[in-house]
Amino acid sequence: MNEIIVTDIAKQAAFLVLKLAAPMLIASLTVGLIVSILQTVTSIQEQTLTFVPKLIAVFLVLILFGNWILTNLKEFTIELFTNFGHYVDVL
């Protein structure tokens, strides 16, 4: 296994992590921004107010995108195990 293969696998894994985490991060960011605007408008400065809506939003997104996330993880894992012989140098 040479450096090119290792960096390619690491690049694919990092991109997969970003792609799979994006829906939850975007939902959390959006809900946090909305709650922050509402806090500013109503002058409620409670720091813990954003926690529960963000948690609910992340769980809803996880329920909606869970199958897609698991499918992508499964495909990446199958690809790694299928190409394992190409990654290992045979003497």
Protein backbone atom coordinates (compact mmCIF):
# COMPACT_ATOMS: atom_id res chain seq x y z
CA MET A 1 0.00 0.00 0.00
CA ASN A 2 1.55 3.27 -1.05
CA GLU A 3 0.92 6.87 -0.04
CA ILE A 4 -1.34 7.61 -3.00
CA ILE A 5 -3.80 4.89 -2.07
CA VAL A 6 -3.83 5.93 1.59
CA THR A 7 -4.43 9.59 0.77
CA ASP A 8 -7.14 8.66 -1.74
CA ILE A 9 -8.98 6.54 0.84
CA ALA A 10 -8.60 9.29 3.45
CA LYS A 11 -9.90 11.89 0.98
CA GLN A 12 -12.92 9.71 0.14
CA ALA A 13 -13.63 9.10 3.83
CA ALA A 14 -13.37 12.78 4.73
CA PHE A 15 -15.68 13.76 1.87
CA LEU A 16 -18.15 11.06 2.94
CA VAL A 17 -18.15 12.34 6.52
CA LEU A 18 -18.81 15.89 5.34
CA LYS A 19 -21.55 14.75 2.98
CA LEU A 20 -23.30 12.63 5.61
CA ALA A 21 -23.05 15.21 8.39
CA ALA A 22 -24.20 18.13 6.23
CA PRO A 23 -27.99 17.66 6.59
CA MET A 24 -27.82 17.56 10.38
CA LEU A 25 -25.42 20.49 10.58
CA ILE A 26 -27.52 22.59 8.22
CA ALA A 27 -30.70 21.82 10.17
CA SER A 28 -29.02 22.69 13.47
CA LEU A 29 -27.60 25.91 12.03
CA THR A 30 -30.97 26.94 10.57
CA VAL A 31 -32.90 26.25 13.77
CA GLY A 32 -30.25 28.02 15.83
CA LEU A 33 -30.43 31.07 13.58
CA ILE A 34 -34.24 31.18 13.74
CA VAL A 35 -34.29 30.84 17.53
CA SER A 36 -31.56 33.47 17.82
CA ILE A 37 -33.59 35.91 15.72
CA LEU A 38 -36.66 35.20 17.84
CA GLN A 39 -34.63 35.77 21.00
CA THR A 40 -33.39 39.08 19.67
CA VAL A 41 -36.86 40.23 18.66
CA THR A 42 -38.47 39.23 21.96
CA SER A 43 -35.49 40.24 24.13
CA ILE A 44 -35.37 36.80 25.75
CA GLN A 45 -31.72 36.09 26.50
CA GLU A 46 -31.93 32.50 27.74
CA GLN A 47 -28.89 30.56 26.52
CA THR A 48 -30.46 27.13 26.93
CA LEU A 49 -33.50 27.96 24.80
CA THR A 50 -31.82 26.88 21.56
CA PHE A 51 -30.81 23.43 22.80
CA VAL A 52 -34.16 21.60 22.63
CA PRO A 53 -35.24 22.88 19.17
CA LYS A 54 -31.81 22.03 17.75
CA LEU A 55 -31.95 18.57 19.30
CA ILE A 56 -35.42 17.94 17.87
CA ALA A 57 -34.35 19.21 14.43
CA VAL A 58 -31.28 16.98 14.37
CA PHE A 59 -33.33 13.92 15.38
CA LEU A 60 -35.93 14.66 12.70
CA VAL A 61 -33.25 15.03 10.04
CA LEU A 62 -31.60 11.85 11.26
CA ILE A 63 -34.92 10.02 10.95
CA LEU A 64 -35.51 11.44 7.46
CA PHE A 65 -31.97 10.90 6.13
CA GLY A 66 -31.00 7.83 8.19
CA ASN A 67 -31.57 5.36 5.38
CA TRP A 68 -29.52 7.48 2.96
CA ILE A 69 -26.70 7.81 5.49
CA LEU A 70 -26.57 4.07 6.16
CA THR A 71 -26.71 3.28 2.44
CA ASN A 72 -23.74 5.55 1.73
CA LEU A 73 -21.77 4.09 4.63
CA LYS A 74 -22.56 0.56 3.48
CA GLU A 75 -21.50 1.30 -0.11
CA PHE A 76 -18.22 2.85 1.04
CA THR A 77 -17.48 -0.10 3.31
CA ILE A 78 -18.29 -2.61 0.58
CA GLU A 79 -16.04 -0.70 -1.82
CA LEU A 80 -13.17 -0.79 0.70
CA PHE A 81 -13.52 -4.52 1.33
CA THR A 82 -14.01 -5.31 -2.36
CA ASN A 83 -10.84 -3.47 -3.37
CA PHE A 84 -8.82 -4.73 -0.40
CA GLY A 85 -6.69 -6.91 -2.65
CA HIS A 86 -5.66 -3.89 -4.69
CA TYR A 87 -4.64 -1.99 -1.56
CA VAL A 88 -2.31 -4.66 -0.22
CA ASP A 89 1.01 -5.24 -1.98
CA VAL A 90 1.39 -8.87 -2.92
CA LEU A 91 4.94 -10.22 -2.78
